[in-house]
Amino acid sequence: MDPAFLNAFTQPSTLDRFLNETVIAKGEKKKLIKPTSSNNPKLEELKLLLMDWINRTLQEEHIVVKSLEEDLYDGLVLHHLLEKLGSLELDVDKIVLTEKKQRQKLSVILGAVAECLQLEQSQLKWSVESILAKDLLSTLHLLVAIAKHFCPSLALPPNVQAETITIENTSRGLKTASAVENITEDKENTEEQSKDDAFDELFSRAPDKLDAVKKVFLQFVNQHVGKLGLNVKDIESQFSDGVILLILIGQLEGYFLNLRNFFLTPANATEMLHNVNLALDLLADGGLLNFSVNSE
């Protein structure tokens, strides 16, 4: 009889070996990518694209990422990446050696990510522990979220999925459940949601009319902020720090904006970003903003 045929019955399956090698404490639950997904070409394409993007972004820092799991878990690459992409000054050491320090550093970094992306704890698909444990699924979700926020023009491959297995160590032994998880957006749904609005039409089909529209906006803005002795001459530059936008919202909606809640004369990109995020929050709370806006 063919030995290979016998081996199929006598050798433990890849999944069995995976379960035996995965250490999970009592009462703990983990969701991981199945070993069978390692042959998924779309998943490999996404991993290579993200590594190439990170390496290009951090080329000046002479940082080279060869493995998403092995090179990102300690927070060093993520630290450099966020500083480069978002001009964020994180109050942590660049290099930390102990696991305790790495955990503290990741907590600061992931906290900054959640704040920038305006995500609640329940919306996060990663954690300090999962990144520190070199979990590929969490690392991919984190990098995709960062890329979409800071580099929306990056062409992420659509419809990337991974077969996942959730393992729970119960009093009766290991309990498992399989599923398929989306890592990047479904292309058809994305295209449906991104149909051109009036301003997309203006930019793409009637750019010659753009100056006339900007002039009307300037008149509108100055009509309201002029009551406070302010004068806007350039929409792009004078709205970039969020101050005029906040004052305009306050005038239109009758808000009293406490000067302690925002920076009237922002000194750096972090303070400007705070102002813009506050303005977007006010618009969303007032039901005036029903689509995503990149605050950067």
C-alpha atoms as a PDB file:
ATOM      1  CA  MET A   1       0.000   0.000   0.000  1.00  0.00           C
ATOM      2  CA  ASP A   2       1.189   3.546  -0.765  1.00  0.00           C
ATOM      3  CA  PRO A   3       2.974   4.938   2.384  1.00  0.00           C
ATOM      4  CA  ALA A   4       1.628   8.418   1.630  1.00  0.00           C
ATOM      5  CA  PHE A   5      -1.906   7.010   1.869  1.00  0.00           C
ATOM      6  CA  LEU A   6      -1.153   5.510   5.292  1.00  0.00           C
ATOM      7  CA  ASN A   7       0.477   8.763   6.487  1.00  0.00           C
ATOM      8  CA  ALA A   8      -2.744  10.647   5.796  1.00  0.00           C
ATOM      9  CA  PHE A   9      -4.376   8.626   8.567  1.00  0.00           C
ATOM     10  CA  THR A  10      -1.471   8.288  10.987  1.00  0.00           C
ATOM     11  CA  GLN A  11      -0.061  11.838  10.941  1.00  0.00           C
ATOM     12  CA  PRO A  12      -1.832  14.603  12.918  1.00  0.00           C
ATOM     13  CA  SER A  13      -3.589  17.185  10.746  1.00  0.00           C
ATOM     14  CA  THR A  14      -2.214  20.710  10.316  1.00  0.00           C
ATOM     15  CA  LEU A  15      -5.116  22.057  12.361  1.00  0.00           C
ATOM     16  CA  ASP A  16      -4.512  19.558  15.184  1.00  0.00           C
ATOM     17  CA  ARG A  17      -0.833  20.520  15.327  1.00  0.00           C
ATOM     18  CA  PHE A  18      -1.842  24.194  15.291  1.00  0.00           C
ATOM     19  CA  LEU A  19      -4.219  23.673  18.222  1.00  0.00           C
ATOM     20  CA  ASN A  20      -1.597  21.759  20.182  1.00  0.00           C
ATOM     21  CA  GLU A  21       1.052  24.440  19.599  1.00  0.00           C
ATOM     22  CA  THR A  22      -1.235  27.383  20.442  1.00  0.00           C
ATOM     23  CA  VAL A  23      -0.961  28.203  24.132  1.00  0.00           C
ATOM     24  CA  ILE A  24      -4.204  29.540  25.621  1.00  0.00           C
ATOM     25  CA  ALA A  25      -4.745  30.008  29.347  1.00  0.00           C
ATOM     26  CA  LYS A  26      -7.833  28.726  31.149  1.00  0.00           C
ATOM     27  CA  GLY A  27     -10.866  30.896  30.413  1.00  0.00           C
ATOM     28  CA  GLU A  28      -9.012  32.728  27.602  1.00  0.00           C
ATOM     29  CA  LYS A  29     -10.327  33.111  24.060  1.00  0.00           C
ATOM     30  CA  LYS A  30      -8.266  33.869  20.955  1.00  0.00           C
ATOM     31  CA  LYS A  31      -9.152  34.435  17.312  1.00  0.00           C
ATOM     32  CA  LEU A  32      -6.377  33.516  14.888  1.00  0.00           C
ATOM     33  CA  ILE A  33      -5.858  33.018  11.173  1.00  0.00           C
ATOM     34  CA  LYS A  34      -6.063  29.344  10.249  1.00  0.00           C
ATOM     35  CA  PRO A  35      -2.852  27.787   8.924  1.00  0.00           C
ATOM     36  CA  THR A  36      -4.710  26.964   5.680  1.00  0.00           C
ATOM     37  CA  SER A  37      -4.965  30.701   4.932  1.00  0.00           C
ATOM     38  CA  SER A  38      -1.190  30.872   4.493  1.00  0.00           C
ATOM     39  CA  ASN A  39      -1.757  29.814   0.877  1.00  0.00           C
ATOM     40  CA  ASN A  40      -4.310  32.582   0.265  1.00  0.00           C
ATOM     41  CA  PRO A  41      -2.813  34.672  -2.613  1.00  0.00           C
ATOM     42  CA  LYS A  42      -4.889  37.772  -1.811  1.00  0.00           C
ATOM     43  CA  LEU A  43      -3.761  37.667   1.813  1.00  0.00           C
ATOM     44  CA  GLU A  44      -0.145  37.370   0.690  1.00  0.00           C
ATOM     45  CA  GLU A  45      -0.665  40.280  -1.719  1.00  0.00           C
ATOM     46  CA  LEU A  46      -1.963  42.463   1.131  1.00  0.00           C
ATOM     47  CA  LYS A  47       0.962  41.524   3.393  1.00  0.00           C
ATOM     48  CA  LEU A  48       3.520  42.350   0.690  1.00  0.00           C
ATOM     49  CA  LEU A  49       1.800  45.643  -0.145  1.00  0.00           C
ATOM     50  CA  LEU A  50       1.740  46.728   3.507  1.00  0.00           C
ATOM     51  CA  MET A  51       5.403  45.826   3.982  1.00  0.00           C
ATOM     52  CA  ASP A  52       6.361  47.738   0.843  1.00  0.00           C
ATOM     53  CA  TRP A  53       4.299  50.752   2.003  1.00  0.00           C
ATOM     54  CA  ILE A  54       5.949  50.772   5.435  1.00  0.00           C
ATOM     55  CA  ASN A  55       9.430  50.407   3.941  1.00  0.00           C
ATOM     56  CA  ARG A  56       8.859  53.242   1.463  1.00  0.00           C
ATOM     57  CA  THR A  57       7.417  55.459   4.189  1.00  0.00           C
ATOM     58  CA  LEU A  58      10.320  54.820   6.561  1.00  0.00           C
ATOM     59  CA  GLN A  59      13.057  54.714   3.941  1.00  0.00           C
ATOM     60  CA  GLU A  60      14.777  57.808   5.377  1.00  0.00           C
ATOM     61  CA  GLU A  61      14.870  56.130   8.810  1.00  0.00           C
ATOM     62  CA  HIS A  62      16.638  53.103   7.219  1.00  0.00           C
ATOM     63  CA  ILE A  63      13.955  50.783   8.607  1.00  0.00           C
ATOM     64  CA  VAL A  64      13.265  47.590   6.651  1.00  0.00           C
ATOM     65  CA  VAL A  65      10.311  45.366   7.563  1.00  0.00           C
ATOM     66  CA  LYS A  66      10.563  41.754   6.422  1.00  0.00           C
ATOM     67  CA  SER A  67       7.791  40.231   8.553  1.00  0.00           C
ATOM     68  CA  LEU A  68       4.675  42.005   9.816  1.00  0.00           C
ATOM     69  CA  GLU A  69       4.396  39.781  12.871  1.00  0.00           C
ATOM     70  CA  GLU A  70       8.064  39.734  13.861  1.00  0.00           C
ATOM     71  CA  ASP A  71       8.976  43.357  13.113  1.00  0.00           C
ATOM     72  CA  LEU A  72       5.976  45.277  14.485  1.00  0.00           C
ATOM     73  CA  TYR A  73       5.179  43.618  17.801  1.00  0.00           C
ATOM     74  CA  ASP A  74       7.527  45.725  19.970  1.00  0.00           C
ATOM     75  CA  GLY A  75       6.132  49.093  18.808  1.00  0.00           C
ATOM     76  CA  LEU A  76       9.357  50.503  17.303  1.00  0.00           C
ATOM     77  CA  VAL A  77       8.176  50.469  13.670  1.00  0.00           C
ATOM     78  CA  LEU A  78       4.662  51.628  14.627  1.00  0.00           C
ATOM     79  CA  HIS A  79       6.211  54.521  16.579  1.00  0.00           C
ATOM     80  CA  HIS A  80       8.221  55.697  13.554  1.00  0.00           C
ATOM     81  CA  LEU A  81       5.270  55.139  11.216  1.00  0.00           C
ATOM     82  CA  LEU A  82       2.849  57.290  13.228  1.00  0.00           C
ATOM     83  CA  GLU A  83       5.406  60.063  13.667  1.00  0.00           C
ATOM     84  CA  LYS A  84       6.034  60.096   9.913  1.00  0.00           C
ATOM     85  CA  LEU A  85       2.412  59.836   8.763  1.00  0.00           C
ATOM     86  CA  GLY A  86       0.580  61.847  11.390  1.00  0.00           C
ATOM     87  CA  SER A  87       3.283  64.135  12.756  1.00  0.00           C
ATOM     88  CA  LEU A  88       2.428  62.686  16.170  1.00  0.00           C
ATOM     89  CA  GLU A  89       4.865  63.238  19.013  1.00  0.00           C
ATOM     90  CA  LEU A  90       4.518  60.198  21.267  1.00  0.00           C
ATOM     91  CA  ASP A  91       5.890  60.425  24.792  1.00  0.00           C
ATOM     92  CA  VAL A  92       7.647  57.042  24.733  1.00  0.00           C
ATOM     93  CA  ASP A  93      11.217  55.849  24.188  1.00  0.00           C
ATOM     94  CA  LYS A  94      12.118  54.801  20.671  1.00  0.00           C
ATOM     95  CA  ILE A  95      13.781  51.569  21.791  1.00  0.00           C
ATOM     96  CA  VAL A  96      12.567  49.468  24.724  1.00  0.00           C
ATOM     97  CA  LEU A  97      13.921  46.041  25.585  1.00  0.00           C
ATOM     98  CA  THR A  98      11.779  44.500  28.311  1.00  0.00           C
ATOM     99  CA  GLU A  99       8.309  43.072  27.743  1.00  0.00           C
ATOM    100  CA  LYS A 100       6.890  45.386  30.417  1.00  0.00           C
ATOM    101  CA  LYS A 101       8.256  48.460  28.629  1.00  0.00           C
ATOM    102  CA  GLN A 102       7.055  47.136  25.256  1.00  0.00           C
ATOM    103  CA  ARG A 103       3.555  46.665  26.664  1.00  0.00           C
ATOM    104  CA  GLN A 104       3.575  50.227  28.066  1.00  0.00           C
ATOM    105  CA  LYS A 105       4.837  51.620  24.764  1.00  0.00           C
ATOM    106  CA  LEU A 106       2.219  49.750  22.717  1.00  0.00           C
ATOM    107  CA  SER A 107      -0.487  51.040  25.050  1.00  0.00           C
ATOM    108  CA  VAL A 108       0.524  54.651  24.301  1.00  0.00           C
ATOM    109  CA  ILE A 109       0.840  54.009  20.551  1.00  0.00           C
ATOM    110  CA  LEU A 110      -2.460  52.164  20.179  1.00  0.00           C
ATOM    111  CA  GLY A 111      -4.173  54.788  22.321  1.00  0.00           C
ATOM    112  CA  ALA A 112      -2.936  57.463  19.909  1.00  0.00           C
ATOM    113  CA  VAL A 113      -4.196  55.405  16.948  1.00  0.00           C
ATOM    114  CA  ALA A 114      -7.660  55.006  18.490  1.00  0.00           C
ATOM    115  CA  GLU A 115      -7.805  58.754  19.199  1.00  0.00           C
ATOM    116  CA  CYS A 116      -6.725  59.729  15.679  1.00  0.00           C
ATOM    117  CA  LEU A 117      -9.150  57.285  14.052  1.00  0.00           C
ATOM    118  CA  GLN A 118     -11.872  58.274  16.546  1.00  0.00           C
ATOM    119  CA  LEU A 119     -12.571  54.643  17.434  1.00  0.00           C
ATOM    120  CA  GLU A 120     -14.280  53.395  20.569  1.00  0.00           C
ATOM    121  CA  GLN A 121     -12.807  50.444  22.457  1.00  0.00           C
ATOM    122  CA  SER A 122     -15.564  48.163  21.121  1.00  0.00           C
ATOM    123  CA  GLN A 123     -14.588  49.020  17.514  1.00  0.00           C
ATOM    124  CA  LEU A 124     -10.942  47.968  17.859  1.00  0.00           C
ATOM    125  CA  LYS A 125      -9.918  44.750  16.111  1.00  0.00           C
ATOM    126  CA  TRP A 126      -6.551  44.682  17.848  1.00  0.00           C
ATOM    127  CA  SER A 127      -5.163  45.038  21.357  1.00  0.00           C
ATOM    128  CA  VAL A 128      -1.862  45.565  23.139  1.00  0.00           C
ATOM    129  CA  GLU A 129      -1.747  41.864  24.020  1.00  0.00           C
ATOM    130  CA  SER A 130      -2.542  40.615  20.510  1.00  0.00           C
ATOM    131  CA  ILE A 131       0.070  42.838  18.827  1.00  0.00           C
ATOM    132  CA  LEU A 132       2.637  41.920  21.480  1.00  0.00           C
ATOM    133  CA  ALA A 133       1.810  38.248  20.866  1.00  0.00           C
ATOM    134  CA  LYS A 134       2.669  38.723  17.140  1.00  0.00           C
ATOM    135  CA  ASP A 135      -0.909  37.976  16.092  1.00  0.00           C
ATOM    136  CA  LEU A 136      -1.079  38.411  12.308  1.00  0.00           C
ATOM    137  CA  LEU A 137      -4.841  39.017  12.139  1.00  0.00           C
ATOM    138  CA  SER A 138      -4.674  41.894  14.646  1.00  0.00           C
ATOM    139  CA  THR A 139      -1.568  43.332  12.988  1.00  0.00           C
ATOM    140  CA  LEU A 140      -3.257  43.344   9.564  1.00  0.00           C
ATOM    141  CA  HIS A 141      -6.411  45.011  10.909  1.00  0.00           C
ATOM    142  CA  LEU A 142      -4.277  47.675  12.629  1.00  0.00           C
ATOM    143  CA  LEU A 143      -2.143  48.438   9.569  1.00  0.00           C
ATOM    144  CA  VAL A 144      -5.137  48.531   7.208  1.00  0.00           C
ATOM    145  CA  ALA A 145      -6.886  51.010   9.537  1.00  0.00           C
ATOM    146  CA  ILE A 146      -3.769  53.223   9.740  1.00  0.00           C
ATOM    147  CA  ALA A 147      -3.254  53.093   5.969  1.00  0.00           C
ATOM    148  CA  LYS A 148      -6.897  53.966   5.191  1.00  0.00           C
ATOM    149  CA  HIS A 149      -6.798  56.905   7.584  1.00  0.00           C
ATOM    150  CA  PHE A 150      -3.418  58.456   6.807  1.00  0.00           C
ATOM    151  CA  CYS A 151      -2.937  57.276   3.189  1.00  0.00           C
ATOM    152  CA  PRO A 152      -6.420  56.915   1.667  1.00  0.00           C
ATOM    153  CA  SER A 153      -4.862  56.894  -1.819  1.00  0.00           C
ATOM    154  CA  LEU A 154      -2.990  53.653  -1.079  1.00  0.00           C
ATOM    155  CA  ALA A 155      -4.535  50.999  -3.323  1.00  0.00           C
ATOM    156  CA  LEU A 156      -5.273  48.217  -0.845  1.00  0.00           C
ATOM    157  CA  PRO A 157      -6.412  45.011  -2.561  1.00  0.00           C
ATOM    158  CA  PRO A 158     -10.196  44.710  -2.094  1.00  0.00           C
ATOM    159  CA  ASN A 159     -12.127  41.768  -0.675  1.00  0.00           C
ATOM    160  CA  VAL A 160      -9.205  40.270   1.257  1.00  0.00           C
ATOM    161  CA  GLN A 161     -10.524  37.602   3.584  1.00  0.00           C
ATOM    162  CA  ALA A 162      -8.982  35.132   5.991  1.00  0.00           C
ATOM    163  CA  GLU A 163     -10.240  31.878   7.410  1.00  0.00           C
ATOM    164  CA  THR A 164     -10.200  32.317  11.174  1.00  0.00           C
ATOM    165  CA  ILE A 165     -10.561  30.007  14.105  1.00  0.00           C
ATOM    166  CA  THR A 166     -11.677  31.134  17.554  1.00  0.00           C
ATOM    167  CA  ILE A 167     -10.248  28.971  20.316  1.00  0.00           C
ATOM    168  CA  GLU A 168     -11.561  29.066  23.873  1.00  0.00           C
ATOM    169  CA  ASN A 169     -10.010  27.130  26.720  1.00  0.00           C
ATOM    170  CA  THR A 170     -13.009  26.023  28.791  1.00  0.00           C
ATOM    171  CA  SER A 171     -13.266  23.746  31.799  1.00  0.00           C
ATOM    172  CA  ARG A 172     -14.215  20.941  29.396  1.00  0.00           C
ATOM    173  CA  GLY A 173     -11.264  21.514  27.088  1.00  0.00           C
ATOM    174  CA  LEU A 174     -10.650  23.525  23.935  1.00  0.00           C
ATOM    175  CA  LYS A 175     -13.742  24.857  22.167  1.00  0.00           C
ATOM    176  CA  THR A 176     -13.296  26.010  18.560  1.00  0.00           C
ATOM    177  CA  ALA A 177     -15.370  27.920  16.006  1.00  0.00           C
ATOM    178  CA  SER A 178     -14.442  28.691  12.410  1.00  0.00           C
ATOM    179  CA  ALA A 179     -15.406  31.745  10.351  1.00  0.00           C
ATOM    180  CA  VAL A 180     -14.340  33.905   7.422  1.00  0.00           C
ATOM    181  CA  GLU A 181     -13.298  37.461   8.289  1.00  0.00           C
ATOM    182  CA  ASN A 182     -12.994  40.479   6.003  1.00  0.00           C
ATOM    183  CA  ILE A 183      -9.722  42.386   6.325  1.00  0.00           C
ATOM    184  CA  THR A 184     -10.251  44.893   3.509  1.00  0.00           C
ATOM    185  CA  GLU A 185     -13.542  46.300   2.252  1.00  0.00           C
ATOM    186  CA  ASP A 186     -15.815  44.628  -0.238  1.00  0.00           C
ATOM    187  CA  LYS A 187     -15.157  46.424  -3.523  1.00  0.00           C
ATOM    188  CA  GLU A 188     -18.769  46.414  -4.713  1.00  0.00           C
ATOM    189  CA  ASN A 189     -20.052  47.895  -1.452  1.00  0.00           C
ATOM    190  CA  THR A 190     -17.299  50.504  -1.446  1.00  0.00           C
ATOM    191  CA  GLU A 191     -18.083  51.574  -5.002  1.00  0.00           C
ATOM    192  CA  GLU A 192     -21.769  51.803  -4.163  1.00  0.00           C
ATOM    193  CA  GLN A 193     -21.058  54.026  -1.159  1.00  0.00           C
ATOM    194  CA  SER A 194     -18.637  56.304  -2.990  1.00  0.00           C
ATOM    195  CA  LYS A 195     -20.886  57.608  -5.743  1.00  0.00           C
ATOM    196  CA  ASP A 196     -20.008  61.161  -6.723  1.00  0.00           C
ATOM    197  CA  ASP A 197     -21.764  63.914  -4.826  1.00  0.00           C
ATOM    198  CA  ALA A 198     -22.221  67.474  -6.103  1.00  0.00           C
ATOM    199  CA  PHE A 199     -18.700  68.534  -5.145  1.00  0.00           C
ATOM    200  CA  ASP A 200     -17.091  65.469  -6.726  1.00  0.00           C
ATOM    201  CA  GLU A 201     -18.931  66.435  -9.904  1.00  0.00           C
ATOM    202  CA  LEU A 202     -17.672  70.008  -9.568  1.00  0.00           C
ATOM    203  CA  PHE A 203     -14.031  68.993  -9.172  1.00  0.00           C
ATOM    204  CA  SER A 204     -14.076  66.416 -11.952  1.00  0.00           C
ATOM    205  CA  ARG A 205     -16.384  67.953 -14.546  1.00  0.00           C
ATOM    206  CA  ALA A 206     -16.459  71.703 -13.982  1.00  0.00           C
ATOM    207  CA  PRO A 207     -13.129  72.810 -12.472  1.00  0.00           C
ATOM    208  CA  ASP A 208     -13.500  76.161 -14.258  1.00  0.00           C
ATOM    209  CA  LYS A 209     -16.417  76.971 -11.938  1.00  0.00           C
ATOM    210  CA  LEU A 210     -14.492  76.149  -8.769  1.00  0.00           C
ATOM    211  CA  ASP A 211     -13.203  79.696  -8.190  1.00  0.00           C
ATOM    212  CA  ALA A 212     -16.728  81.098  -8.420  1.00  0.00           C
ATOM    213  CA  VAL A 213     -17.976  78.582  -5.845  1.00  0.00           C
ATOM    214  CA  LYS A 214     -15.055  79.359  -3.494  1.00  0.00           C
ATOM    215  CA  LYS A 215     -15.890  83.066  -3.784  1.00  0.00           C
ATOM    216  CA  VAL A 216     -19.481  82.383  -2.688  1.00  0.00           C
ATOM    217  CA  PHE A 217     -18.215  80.337   0.266  1.00  0.00           C
ATOM    218  CA  LEU A 218     -15.838  83.107   1.308  1.00  0.00           C
ATOM    219  CA  GLN A 219     -18.681  85.609   1.297  1.00  0.00           C
ATOM    220  CA  PHE A 220     -20.788  83.257   3.396  1.00  0.00           C
ATOM    221  CA  VAL A 221     -17.997  82.624   5.916  1.00  0.00           C
ATOM    222  CA  ASN A 222     -17.066  86.301   6.264  1.00  0.00           C
ATOM    223  CA  GLN A 223     -20.704  87.278   6.689  1.00  0.00           C
ATOM    224  CA  HIS A 224     -20.700  85.293   9.938  1.00  0.00           C
ATOM    225  CA  VAL A 225     -17.163  85.432  11.336  1.00  0.00           C
ATOM    226  CA  GLY A 226     -16.890  89.093  10.328  1.00  0.00           C
ATOM    227  CA  LYS A 227     -19.130  89.894  13.288  1.00  0.00           C
ATOM    228  CA  LEU A 228     -16.161  88.957  15.474  1.00  0.00           C
ATOM    229  CA  GLY A 229     -13.737  91.099  13.499  1.00  0.00           C
ATOM    230  CA  LEU A 230     -12.304  88.181  11.513  1.00  0.00           C
ATOM    231  CA  ASN A 231     -11.665  88.074   7.782  1.00  0.00           C
ATOM    232  CA  VAL A 232     -11.039  84.948   5.700  1.00  0.00           C
ATOM    233  CA  LYS A 233      -9.234  85.363   2.392  1.00  0.00           C
ATOM    234  CA  ASP A 234      -8.103  81.821   1.654  1.00  0.00           C
ATOM    235  CA  ILE A 235     -10.249  78.767   2.454  1.00  0.00           C
ATOM    236  CA  GLU A 236      -7.467  76.168   2.222  1.00  0.00           C
ATOM    237  CA  SER A 237      -4.856  77.827   4.438  1.00  0.00           C
ATOM    238  CA  GLN A 238      -7.122  79.573   6.977  1.00  0.00           C
ATOM    239  CA  PHE A 239      -9.303  76.532   7.643  1.00  0.00           C
ATOM    240  CA  SER A 240      -6.384  74.111   8.080  1.00  0.00           C
ATOM    241  CA  ASP A 241      -5.889  74.692  11.823  1.00  0.00           C
ATOM    242  CA  GLY A 242      -9.594  74.315  12.687  1.00  0.00           C
ATOM    243  CA  VAL A 243      -9.926  77.697  14.428  1.00  0.00           C
ATOM    244  CA  ILE A 244     -12.084  79.459  11.809  1.00  0.00           C
ATOM    245  CA  LEU A 245     -14.138  76.290  11.364  1.00  0.00           C
ATOM    246  CA  LEU A 246     -14.882  76.115  15.098  1.00  0.00           C
ATOM    247  CA  ILE A 247     -15.773  79.797  15.280  1.00  0.00           C
ATOM    248  CA  LEU A 248     -18.029  79.474  12.229  1.00  0.00           C
ATOM    249  CA  ILE A 249     -19.843  76.477  13.755  1.00  0.00           C
ATOM    250  CA  GLY A 250     -20.263  78.426  16.977  1.00  0.00           C
ATOM    251  CA  GLN A 251     -21.770  81.387  15.132  1.00  0.00           C
ATOM    252  CA  LEU A 252     -24.125  79.290  13.012  1.00  0.00           C
ATOM    253  CA  GLU A 253     -25.273  76.886  15.723  1.00  0.00           C
ATOM    254  CA  GLY A 254     -25.225  79.260  18.687  1.00  0.00           C
ATOM    255  CA  TYR A 255     -22.537  77.281  20.521  1.00  0.00           C
ATOM    256  CA  PHE A 256     -20.516  78.801  23.340  1.00  0.00           C
ATOM    257  CA  LEU A 257     -17.034  77.449  22.732  1.00  0.00           C
ATOM    258  CA  ASN A 258     -14.938  77.538  25.875  1.00  0.00           C
ATOM    259  CA  LEU A 259     -11.412  78.674  24.998  1.00  0.00           C
ATOM    260  CA  ARG A 260     -10.067  75.905  27.222  1.00  0.00           C
ATOM    261  CA  ASN A 261     -11.574  73.296  24.885  1.00  0.00           C
ATOM    262  CA  PHE A 262      -9.531  74.233  21.813  1.00  0.00           C
ATOM    263  CA  PHE A 263      -6.349  76.032  20.771  1.00  0.00           C
ATOM    264  CA  LEU A 264      -7.034  79.585  19.564  1.00  0.00           C
ATOM    265  CA  THR A 265      -3.454  79.918  18.306  1.00  0.00           C
ATOM    266  CA  PRO A 266      -2.305  76.322  17.679  1.00  0.00           C
ATOM    267  CA  ALA A 267       1.459  75.950  17.827  1.00  0.00           C
ATOM    268  CA  ASN A 268       1.875  72.569  16.136  1.00  0.00           C
ATOM    269  CA  ALA A 269       0.164  69.894  14.052  1.00  0.00           C
ATOM    270  CA  THR A 270      -1.127  68.047  17.120  1.00  0.00           C
ATOM    271  CA  GLU A 271      -3.000  71.141  18.380  1.00  0.00           C
ATOM    272  CA  MET A 272      -4.358  71.837  14.880  1.00  0.00           C
ATOM    273  CA  LEU A 273      -5.549  68.230  14.624  1.00  0.00           C
ATOM    274  CA  HIS A 274      -7.276  68.566  18.015  1.00  0.00           C
ATOM    275  CA  ASN A 275      -9.198  71.612  16.730  1.00  0.00           C
ATOM    276  CA  VAL A 276     -10.293  69.899  13.528  1.00  0.00           C
ATOM    277  CA  ASN A 277     -11.384  66.747  15.379  1.00  0.00           C
ATOM    278  CA  LEU A 278     -13.427  68.889  17.801  1.00  0.00           C
ATOM    279  CA  ALA A 279     -15.115  70.652  14.874  1.00  0.00           C
ATOM    280  CA  LEU A 280     -15.949  67.331  13.209  1.00  0.00           C
ATOM    281  CA  ASP A 281     -17.352  66.002  16.501  1.00  0.00           C
ATOM    282  CA  LEU A 282     -19.612  69.072  16.817  1.00  0.00           C
ATOM    283  CA  LEU A 283     -20.855  68.621  13.244  1.00  0.00           C
ATOM    284  CA  ALA A 284     -21.497  64.918  13.811  1.00  0.00           C
ATOM    285  CA  ASP A 285     -23.293  65.565  17.117  1.00  0.00           C
ATOM    286  CA  GLY A 286     -25.496  68.118  15.373  1.00  0.00           C
ATOM    287  CA  GLY A 287     -26.441  65.609  12.667  1.00  0.00           C
ATOM    288  CA  LEU A 288     -24.697  67.721  10.014  1.00  0.00           C
ATOM    289  CA  LEU A 289     -22.000  65.210   9.092  1.00  0.00           C
ATOM    290  CA  ASN A 290     -23.120  61.803   7.864  1.00  0.00           C
ATOM    291  CA  PHE A 291     -19.966  60.726   6.047  1.00  0.00           C
ATOM    292  CA  SER A 292     -16.356  60.096   7.026  1.00  0.00           C
ATOM    293  CA  VAL A 293     -13.893  62.992   6.887  1.00  0.00           C
ATOM    294  CA  ASN A 294     -10.116  62.575   7.175  1.00  0.00           C
ATOM    295  CA  SER A 295      -9.187  65.166   9.798  1.00  0.00           C
ATOM    296  CA  GLU A 296      -5.555  65.172   8.647  1.00  0.00           C
END
